[in-house]
Amino acid sequence: MRCGGARVDLTPSELGVLAALLERPGVVLSRAQLVDRGRSGGTVITERTIDTHVRRIRRKFSDHGTDPITTVHGVGYKASGA
């Protein structure tokens, strides 16, 4: 994936979570919905794992001065700017 022309390396699970959010701009997805969409290659993902993936995605994008994910407390996550 690219951010501002720079390459950002994401794991398949991280990419699945981010892609799910970016496919539905403005829509808040629960952890359970992200679990369903973030599975890749038989990898087991739990609702608590989603928080870890989001934290890692944020860390990788913070080097480029952006945060692609907004937390909606008590509900889930959505793509930032949407």
C-alpha atoms as a PDB file:
ATOM      1  CA  MET A   1       0.000   0.000   0.000  1.00  0.00           C
ATOM      2  CA  ARG A   2       1.158   3.581  -0.578  1.00  0.00           C
ATOM      3  CA  CYS A   3       0.731   6.732   1.491  1.00  0.00           C
ATOM      4  CA  GLY A   4       1.899  10.008  -0.015  1.00  0.00           C
ATOM      5  CA  GLY A   5       4.022   8.085  -2.510  1.00  0.00           C
ATOM      6  CA  ALA A   6       5.802   6.112   0.216  1.00  0.00           C
ATOM      7  CA  ARG A   7       5.360   2.378   0.604  1.00  0.00           C
ATOM      8  CA  VAL A   8       3.601   1.154   3.761  1.00  0.00           C
ATOM      9  CA  ASP A   9       4.002  -2.570   4.379  1.00  0.00           C
ATOM     10  CA  LEU A  10       0.917  -4.204   5.885  1.00  0.00           C
ATOM     11  CA  THR A  11       0.326  -7.817   6.829  1.00  0.00           C
ATOM     12  CA  PRO A  12      -2.528  -9.580   5.017  1.00  0.00           C
ATOM     13  CA  SER A  13      -4.716  -9.244   8.123  1.00  0.00           C
ATOM     14  CA  GLU A  14      -3.930  -5.534   8.523  1.00  0.00           C
ATOM     15  CA  LEU A  15      -4.665  -4.987   4.846  1.00  0.00           C
ATOM     16  CA  GLY A  16      -7.976  -6.832   5.204  1.00  0.00           C
ATOM     17  CA  VAL A  17      -9.045  -4.655   8.128  1.00  0.00           C
ATOM     18  CA  LEU A  18      -8.021  -1.410   6.413  1.00  0.00           C
ATOM     19  CA  ALA A  19      -9.600  -2.446   3.100  1.00  0.00           C
ATOM     20  CA  ALA A  20     -12.890  -3.248   4.853  1.00  0.00           C
ATOM     21  CA  LEU A  21     -12.957   0.251   6.351  1.00  0.00           C
ATOM     22  CA  LEU A  22     -11.984   1.979   3.109  1.00  0.00           C
ATOM     23  CA  GLU A  23     -14.620   0.074   1.110  1.00  0.00           C
ATOM     24  CA  ARG A  24     -17.382   1.675   3.185  1.00  0.00           C
ATOM     25  CA  PRO A  25     -16.418   5.308   3.824  1.00  0.00           C
ATOM     26  CA  GLY A  26     -18.442   6.952   6.552  1.00  0.00           C
ATOM     27  CA  VAL A  27     -19.755   3.629   7.843  1.00  0.00           C
ATOM     28  CA  VAL A  28     -18.763   2.507  11.324  1.00  0.00           C
ATOM     29  CA  LEU A  29     -17.889  -1.193  11.414  1.00  0.00           C
ATOM     30  CA  SER A  30     -17.978  -3.161  14.647  1.00  0.00           C
ATOM     31  CA  ARG A  31     -15.107  -5.408  15.680  1.00  0.00           C
ATOM     32  CA  ALA A  32     -17.275  -8.426  14.792  1.00  0.00           C
ATOM     33  CA  GLN A  33     -17.802  -7.097  11.262  1.00  0.00           C
ATOM     34  CA  LEU A  34     -14.070  -6.469  10.905  1.00  0.00           C
ATOM     35  CA  VAL A  35     -13.313 -10.000  12.124  1.00  0.00           C
ATOM     36  CA  ASP A  36     -15.464 -11.368   9.279  1.00  0.00           C
ATOM     37  CA  ARG A  37     -13.798  -9.126   6.691  1.00  0.00           C
ATOM     38  CA  GLY A  38     -10.232  -9.315   7.986  1.00  0.00           C
ATOM     39  CA  ARG A  39      -9.705 -13.062   7.737  1.00  0.00           C
ATOM     40  CA  SER A  40      -7.032 -14.131   5.296  1.00  0.00           C
ATOM     41  CA  GLY A  41      -5.544 -17.487   4.494  1.00  0.00           C
ATOM     42  CA  GLY A  42      -7.107 -19.272   7.454  1.00  0.00           C
ATOM     43  CA  THR A  43      -5.664 -16.841  10.001  1.00  0.00           C
ATOM     44  CA  VAL A  44      -7.696 -16.706  13.202  1.00  0.00           C
ATOM     45  CA  ILE A  45      -8.757 -13.180  14.073  1.00  0.00           C
ATOM     46  CA  THR A  46     -10.702 -12.284  17.213  1.00  0.00           C
ATOM     47  CA  GLU A  47     -12.405  -9.060  18.228  1.00  0.00           C
ATOM     48  CA  ARG A  48      -9.481  -8.237  20.546  1.00  0.00           C
ATOM     49  CA  THR A  49      -7.034  -8.916  17.716  1.00  0.00           C
ATOM     50  CA  ILE A  50      -8.759  -6.175  15.700  1.00  0.00           C
ATOM     51  CA  ASP A  51      -7.551  -3.627  18.276  1.00  0.00           C
ATOM     52  CA  THR A  52      -3.982  -4.869  17.796  1.00  0.00           C
ATOM     53  CA  HIS A  53      -4.265  -4.648  14.010  1.00  0.00           C
ATOM     54  CA  VAL A  54      -5.663  -1.107  14.252  1.00  0.00           C
ATOM     55  CA  ARG A  55      -2.827  -0.084  16.593  1.00  0.00           C
ATOM     56  CA  ARG A  56      -0.219  -1.492  14.195  1.00  0.00           C
ATOM     57  CA  ILE A  57      -1.841   0.147  11.158  1.00  0.00           C
ATOM     58  CA  ARG A  58      -1.835   3.485  12.974  1.00  0.00           C
ATOM     59  CA  ARG A  59       1.824   3.091  13.948  1.00  0.00           C
ATOM     60  CA  LYS A  60       2.839   2.334  10.353  1.00  0.00           C
ATOM     61  CA  PHE A  61       0.942   5.324   8.969  1.00  0.00           C
ATOM     62  CA  SER A  62       2.066   7.705  11.732  1.00  0.00           C
ATOM     63  CA  ASP A  63       5.508   7.818  10.095  1.00  0.00           C
ATOM     64  CA  HIS A  64       3.735   9.569   7.213  1.00  0.00           C
ATOM     65  CA  GLY A  65       1.774  11.980   9.406  1.00  0.00           C
ATOM     66  CA  THR A  66      -1.625  10.396   8.983  1.00  0.00           C
ATOM     67  CA  ASP A  67      -4.071   8.125  10.799  1.00  0.00           C
ATOM     68  CA  PRO A  68      -6.374   6.250   8.406  1.00  0.00           C
ATOM     69  CA  ILE A  69      -8.708   4.987  11.145  1.00  0.00           C
ATOM     70  CA  THR A  70     -11.102   6.780  13.494  1.00  0.00           C
ATOM     71  CA  THR A  71     -12.294   5.076  16.672  1.00  0.00           C
ATOM     72  CA  VAL A  72     -15.990   5.409  17.433  1.00  0.00           C
ATOM     73  CA  HIS A  73     -16.048   4.593  21.128  1.00  0.00           C
ATOM     74  CA  GLY A  74     -18.449   1.877  22.114  1.00  0.00           C
ATOM     75  CA  VAL A  75     -19.223   1.039  18.480  1.00  0.00           C
ATOM     76  CA  GLY A  76     -16.149   0.255  16.363  1.00  0.00           C
ATOM     77  CA  TYR A  77     -13.997   1.908  13.718  1.00  0.00           C
ATOM     78  CA  LYS A  78     -14.380   3.843  10.481  1.00  0.00           C
ATOM     79  CA  ALA A  79     -12.044   5.227   7.850  1.00  0.00           C
ATOM     80  CA  SER A  80     -10.690   8.657   8.847  1.00  0.00           C
ATOM     81  CA  GLY A  81     -12.024  11.601   6.933  1.00  0.00           C
ATOM     82  CA  ALA A  82     -15.249   9.792   6.168  1.00  0.00           C
END
